[in-house]
Amino acid sequence: MSNERFNSVWDALEDTPAMAESMKLRSVLMMALKDHIARERLSQSQAAEVFGVTQPRVSDLVRGKIDLFGLDALVNMAAAAGLHVEMRVLKAA
C-alpha cells in the first residue's frame, strides 16, 4: 500500500494531470448547478427549462454522472441559469 498523498481525489483517480484538472472543474460546476436547483427549489423539469437541456440530462447532473458532462456543456448550463463562472489559472506546485 502506497503512502503517497494527493491534493484531490481526482489527482489520485485520474491517469493524467490534465484529466484530473478537467474533473476538478467539472465537479465544481456540477455542484454549483445542483446547489442552484436546490436554492431555487426547482423541479428537474423546471431546471431543464432554465438550463436549456432535457429533464433526463438534469437527472444525470443531480445523480452526479460526471462522465456524461463536458466543461462546455456545464458552463453553458450555468450561464443559462444566470450564474457567472470564473476560472483562475495558477502554476502547479
N, C-alpha and C. Protein backbone atom coordinates (compact mmCIF):
# COMPACT_ATOMS: atom_id res chain seq x y z
N MET A 1 0.84 -1.18 0.00
CA MET A 1 0.00 0.00 0.00
C MET A 1 0.89 1.25 0.00
N SER A 2 0.56 2.18 -0.84
CA SER A 2 1.36 3.39 -1.00
C SER A 2 0.98 4.45 0.04
N ASN A 3 1.96 5.22 0.48
CA ASN A 3 1.71 6.33 1.39
C ASN A 3 1.67 7.65 0.65
N GLU A 4 1.54 7.58 -0.67
CA GLU A 4 1.52 8.79 -1.48
C GLU A 4 0.31 9.64 -1.12
N ARG A 5 0.52 10.96 -1.03
CA ARG A 5 -0.55 11.91 -0.70
C ARG A 5 -0.94 12.67 -1.95
N PHE A 6 -2.23 12.96 -2.07
CA PHE A 6 -2.76 13.69 -3.22
C PHE A 6 -3.50 14.93 -2.73
N ASN A 7 -3.50 15.98 -3.54
CA ASN A 7 -4.22 17.21 -3.20
C ASN A 7 -5.72 17.06 -3.40
N SER A 8 -6.10 16.15 -4.25
CA SER A 8 -7.51 15.96 -4.60
C SER A 8 -7.74 14.49 -4.90
N VAL A 9 -8.96 14.05 -4.72
CA VAL A 9 -9.32 12.69 -5.08
C VAL A 9 -9.11 12.49 -6.58
N TRP A 10 -9.33 13.53 -7.36
CA TRP A 10 -9.14 13.41 -8.81
C TRP A 10 -7.68 13.18 -9.16
N ASP A 11 -6.77 13.78 -8.41
CA ASP A 11 -5.35 13.54 -8.64
C ASP A 11 -5.01 12.07 -8.43
N ALA A 12 -5.69 11.45 -7.50
CA ALA A 12 -5.45 10.04 -7.21
C ALA A 12 -6.11 9.12 -8.24
N LEU A 13 -7.26 9.52 -8.74
CA LEU A 13 -8.04 8.64 -9.61
C LEU A 13 -7.69 8.73 -11.09
N GLU A 14 -7.34 9.90 -11.55
CA GLU A 14 -7.14 10.10 -12.98
C GLU A 14 -5.72 9.74 -13.42
N ASP A 15 -5.60 9.32 -14.66
CA ASP A 15 -4.32 8.86 -15.20
C ASP A 15 -3.35 10.00 -15.50
N THR A 16 -3.88 11.18 -15.81
CA THR A 16 -3.01 12.29 -16.18
C THR A 16 -3.39 13.54 -15.38
N PRO A 17 -2.45 14.45 -15.19
CA PRO A 17 -2.78 15.72 -14.53
C PRO A 17 -3.85 16.50 -15.29
N ALA A 18 -3.82 16.43 -16.62
CA ALA A 18 -4.82 17.15 -17.42
C ALA A 18 -6.23 16.64 -17.13
N MET A 19 -6.39 15.32 -17.08
CA MET A 19 -7.71 14.76 -16.78
C MET A 19 -8.14 15.09 -15.36
N ALA A 20 -7.22 15.09 -14.43
CA ALA A 20 -7.55 15.45 -13.04
C ALA A 20 -8.05 16.88 -12.97
N GLU A 21 -7.39 17.79 -13.68
CA GLU A 21 -7.81 19.20 -13.68
C GLU A 21 -9.20 19.35 -14.29
N SER A 22 -9.46 18.65 -15.38
CA SER A 22 -10.77 18.70 -16.01
C SER A 22 -11.85 18.20 -15.06
N MET A 23 -11.58 17.11 -14.38
CA MET A 23 -12.57 16.55 -13.45
C MET A 23 -12.82 17.49 -12.28
N LYS A 24 -11.79 18.16 -11.80
CA LYS A 24 -11.96 19.12 -10.71
C LYS A 24 -12.90 20.24 -11.13
N LEU A 25 -12.68 20.79 -12.32
CA LEU A 25 -13.52 21.88 -12.81
C LEU A 25 -14.95 21.40 -13.05
N ARG A 26 -15.09 20.24 -13.64
CA ARG A 26 -16.42 19.70 -13.90
C ARG A 26 -17.18 19.45 -12.60
N SER A 27 -16.49 18.93 -11.59
CA SER A 27 -17.18 18.65 -10.33
C SER A 27 -17.63 19.93 -9.63
N VAL A 28 -16.81 20.97 -9.69
CA VAL A 28 -17.20 22.26 -9.09
C VAL A 28 -18.43 22.82 -9.80
N LEU A 29 -18.44 22.77 -11.13
CA LEU A 29 -19.59 23.27 -11.88
C LEU A 29 -20.85 22.45 -11.60
N MET A 30 -20.71 21.14 -11.53
CA MET A 30 -21.87 20.30 -11.24
C MET A 30 -22.44 20.59 -9.86
N MET A 31 -21.58 20.77 -8.89
CA MET A 31 -22.05 21.09 -7.53
C MET A 31 -22.75 22.45 -7.51
N ALA A 32 -22.22 23.42 -8.24
CA ALA A 32 -22.84 24.74 -8.29
C ALA A 32 -24.22 24.66 -8.93
N LEU A 33 -24.36 23.88 -9.97
CA LEU A 33 -25.66 23.72 -10.63
C LEU A 33 -26.64 22.99 -9.73
N LYS A 34 -26.19 21.96 -9.04
CA LYS A 34 -27.06 21.26 -8.10
C LYS A 34 -27.49 22.19 -6.96
N ASP A 35 -26.57 23.01 -6.47
CA ASP A 35 -26.90 23.98 -5.42
C ASP A 35 -27.93 24.99 -5.93
N HIS A 36 -27.78 25.41 -7.18
CA HIS A 36 -28.73 26.36 -7.77
C HIS A 36 -30.12 25.75 -7.83
N ILE A 37 -30.21 24.50 -8.24
CA ILE A 37 -31.50 23.81 -8.30
C ILE A 37 -32.14 23.78 -6.91
N ALA A 38 -31.36 23.44 -5.90
CA ALA A 38 -31.89 23.35 -4.53
C ALA A 38 -32.27 24.73 -4.00
N ARG A 39 -31.40 25.71 -4.20
CA ARG A 39 -31.63 27.07 -3.70
C ARG A 39 -32.91 27.68 -4.30
N GLU A 40 -33.09 27.43 -5.60
CA GLU A 40 -34.26 27.99 -6.29
C GLU A 40 -35.49 27.08 -6.17
N ARG A 41 -35.30 25.94 -5.54
CA ARG A 41 -36.38 24.95 -5.35
C ARG A 41 -37.02 24.57 -6.69
N LEU A 42 -36.17 24.24 -7.64
CA LEU A 42 -36.63 23.87 -8.97
C LEU A 42 -36.84 22.36 -9.06
N SER A 43 -37.89 21.97 -9.76
CA SER A 43 -38.03 20.56 -10.11
C SER A 43 -37.03 20.28 -11.23
N GLN A 44 -36.82 19.01 -11.52
CA GLN A 44 -35.91 18.68 -12.60
C GLN A 44 -36.42 19.24 -13.93
N SER A 45 -37.72 19.21 -14.14
CA SER A 45 -38.30 19.76 -15.38
C SER A 45 -38.08 21.27 -15.46
N GLN A 46 -38.28 21.96 -14.35
CA GLN A 46 -38.05 23.40 -14.33
C GLN A 46 -36.58 23.72 -14.56
N ALA A 47 -35.69 22.97 -13.92
CA ALA A 47 -34.26 23.18 -14.10
C ALA A 47 -33.87 22.94 -15.55
N ALA A 48 -34.44 21.93 -16.17
CA ALA A 48 -34.15 21.63 -17.57
C ALA A 48 -34.52 22.82 -18.45
N GLU A 49 -35.65 23.40 -18.18
CA GLU A 49 -36.09 24.57 -18.96
C GLU A 49 -35.12 25.74 -18.76
N VAL A 50 -34.74 25.99 -17.52
CA VAL A 50 -33.81 27.07 -17.21
C VAL A 50 -32.45 26.83 -17.86
N PHE A 51 -31.95 25.61 -17.77
CA PHE A 51 -30.61 25.28 -18.28
C PHE A 51 -30.59 25.07 -19.79
N GLY A 52 -31.76 24.91 -20.40
CA GLY A 52 -31.81 24.67 -21.84
C GLY A 52 -31.43 23.27 -22.24
N VAL A 53 -31.77 22.31 -21.37
CA VAL A 53 -31.48 20.89 -21.62
C VAL A 53 -32.73 20.07 -21.35
N THR A 54 -32.63 18.77 -21.51
CA THR A 54 -33.77 17.89 -21.22
C THR A 54 -33.81 17.52 -19.74
N GLN A 55 -34.96 17.05 -19.28
CA GLN A 55 -35.09 16.60 -17.90
C GLN A 55 -34.18 15.42 -17.60
N PRO A 56 -34.04 14.45 -18.52
CA PRO A 56 -33.10 13.35 -18.23
C PRO A 56 -31.65 13.85 -18.05
N ARG A 57 -31.30 14.92 -18.76
CA ARG A 57 -29.96 15.50 -18.62
C ARG A 57 -29.79 16.07 -17.21
N VAL A 58 -30.82 16.73 -16.69
CA VAL A 58 -30.77 17.25 -15.32
C VAL A 58 -30.70 16.10 -14.33
N SER A 59 -31.41 15.03 -14.60
CA SER A 59 -31.35 13.84 -13.74
C SER A 59 -29.92 13.32 -13.67
N ASP A 60 -29.25 13.25 -14.82
CA ASP A 60 -27.84 12.82 -14.83
C ASP A 60 -26.98 13.75 -13.99
N LEU A 61 -27.23 15.04 -14.08
CA LEU A 61 -26.48 16.03 -13.31
C LEU A 61 -26.70 15.82 -11.81
N VAL A 62 -27.94 15.72 -11.41
CA VAL A 62 -28.29 15.58 -9.99
C VAL A 62 -27.74 14.27 -9.44
N ARG A 63 -27.67 13.24 -10.26
CA ARG A 63 -27.15 11.95 -9.82
C ARG A 63 -25.64 11.87 -9.88
N GLY A 64 -25.00 12.97 -10.30
CA GLY A 64 -23.54 13.05 -10.26
C GLY A 64 -22.83 12.28 -11.35
N LYS A 65 -23.47 12.08 -12.48
CA LYS A 65 -22.84 11.34 -13.57
C LYS A 65 -21.86 12.23 -14.33
N ILE A 66 -20.77 12.52 -13.68
CA ILE A 66 -19.79 13.50 -14.16
C ILE A 66 -19.20 13.12 -15.52
N ASP A 67 -19.09 11.84 -15.79
CA ASP A 67 -18.51 11.39 -17.05
C ASP A 67 -19.37 11.73 -18.26
N LEU A 68 -20.63 12.12 -18.04
CA LEU A 68 -21.53 12.47 -19.13
C LEU A 68 -21.51 13.96 -19.49
N PHE A 69 -20.71 14.74 -18.77
CA PHE A 69 -20.70 16.19 -18.97
C PHE A 69 -19.31 16.71 -19.29
N GLY A 70 -19.24 17.51 -20.32
CA GLY A 70 -18.01 18.23 -20.64
C GLY A 70 -18.06 19.62 -20.03
N LEU A 71 -16.92 20.26 -19.99
CA LEU A 71 -16.86 21.62 -19.43
C LEU A 71 -17.76 22.59 -20.18
N ASP A 72 -17.75 22.53 -21.50
CA ASP A 72 -18.57 23.44 -22.30
C ASP A 72 -20.05 23.32 -21.92
N ALA A 73 -20.55 22.12 -21.84
CA ALA A 73 -21.96 21.91 -21.50
C ALA A 73 -22.29 22.47 -20.13
N LEU A 74 -21.42 22.25 -19.17
CA LEU A 74 -21.68 22.74 -17.81
C LEU A 74 -21.61 24.26 -17.73
N VAL A 75 -20.66 24.86 -18.44
CA VAL A 75 -20.57 26.33 -18.47
C VAL A 75 -21.82 26.90 -19.14
N ASN A 76 -22.26 26.28 -20.22
CA ASN A 76 -23.47 26.75 -20.91
C ASN A 76 -24.70 26.67 -20.01
N MET A 77 -24.81 25.59 -19.26
CA MET A 77 -25.93 25.44 -18.33
C MET A 77 -25.88 26.50 -17.23
N ALA A 78 -24.69 26.75 -16.70
CA ALA A 78 -24.54 27.76 -15.66
C ALA A 78 -24.91 29.14 -16.19
N ALA A 79 -24.44 29.46 -17.38
CA ALA A 79 -24.75 30.77 -17.97
C ALA A 79 -26.24 30.91 -18.22
N ALA A 80 -26.88 29.86 -18.70
CA ALA A 80 -28.33 29.89 -18.93
C ALA A 80 -29.10 30.13 -17.64
N ALA A 81 -28.53 29.68 -16.53
CA ALA A 81 -29.17 29.86 -15.22
C ALA A 81 -28.85 31.21 -14.61
N GLY A 82 -28.07 32.01 -15.31
CA GLY A 82 -27.71 33.33 -14.79
C GLY A 82 -26.56 33.30 -13.81
N LEU A 83 -25.79 32.23 -13.83
CA LEU A 83 -24.63 32.12 -12.96
C LEU A 83 -23.40 32.62 -13.70
N HIS A 84 -22.49 33.23 -12.98
CA HIS A 84 -21.23 33.73 -13.53
C HIS A 84 -20.13 32.74 -13.19
N VAL A 85 -19.40 32.30 -14.19
CA VAL A 85 -18.34 31.34 -13.99
C VAL A 85 -16.99 32.05 -14.16
N GLU A 86 -16.12 31.88 -13.20
CA GLU A 86 -14.77 32.43 -13.28
C GLU A 86 -13.78 31.29 -13.17
N MET A 87 -12.62 31.49 -13.78
CA MET A 87 -11.58 30.48 -13.72
C MET A 87 -10.26 31.17 -13.40
N ARG A 88 -9.49 30.54 -12.55
CA ARG A 88 -8.13 31.04 -12.24
C ARG A 88 -7.15 30.00 -12.72
N VAL A 89 -6.06 30.48 -13.28
CA VAL A 89 -5.00 29.59 -13.72
C VAL A 89 -3.76 29.92 -12.91
N LEU A 90 -3.27 28.92 -12.18
CA LEU A 90 -2.11 29.09 -11.33
C LEU A 90 -1.04 28.10 -11.73
N LYS A 91 0.20 28.42 -11.42
CA LYS A 91 1.29 27.49 -11.66
C LYS A 91 1.15 26.30 -10.71
N ALA A 92 1.32 25.10 -11.25
CA ALA A 92 1.20 23.89 -10.44
C ALA A 92 2.34 23.84 -9.41
N ALA A 93 2.02 23.26 -8.27
CA ALA A 93 3.01 23.14 -7.19
C ALA A 93 4.11 22.18 -7.55
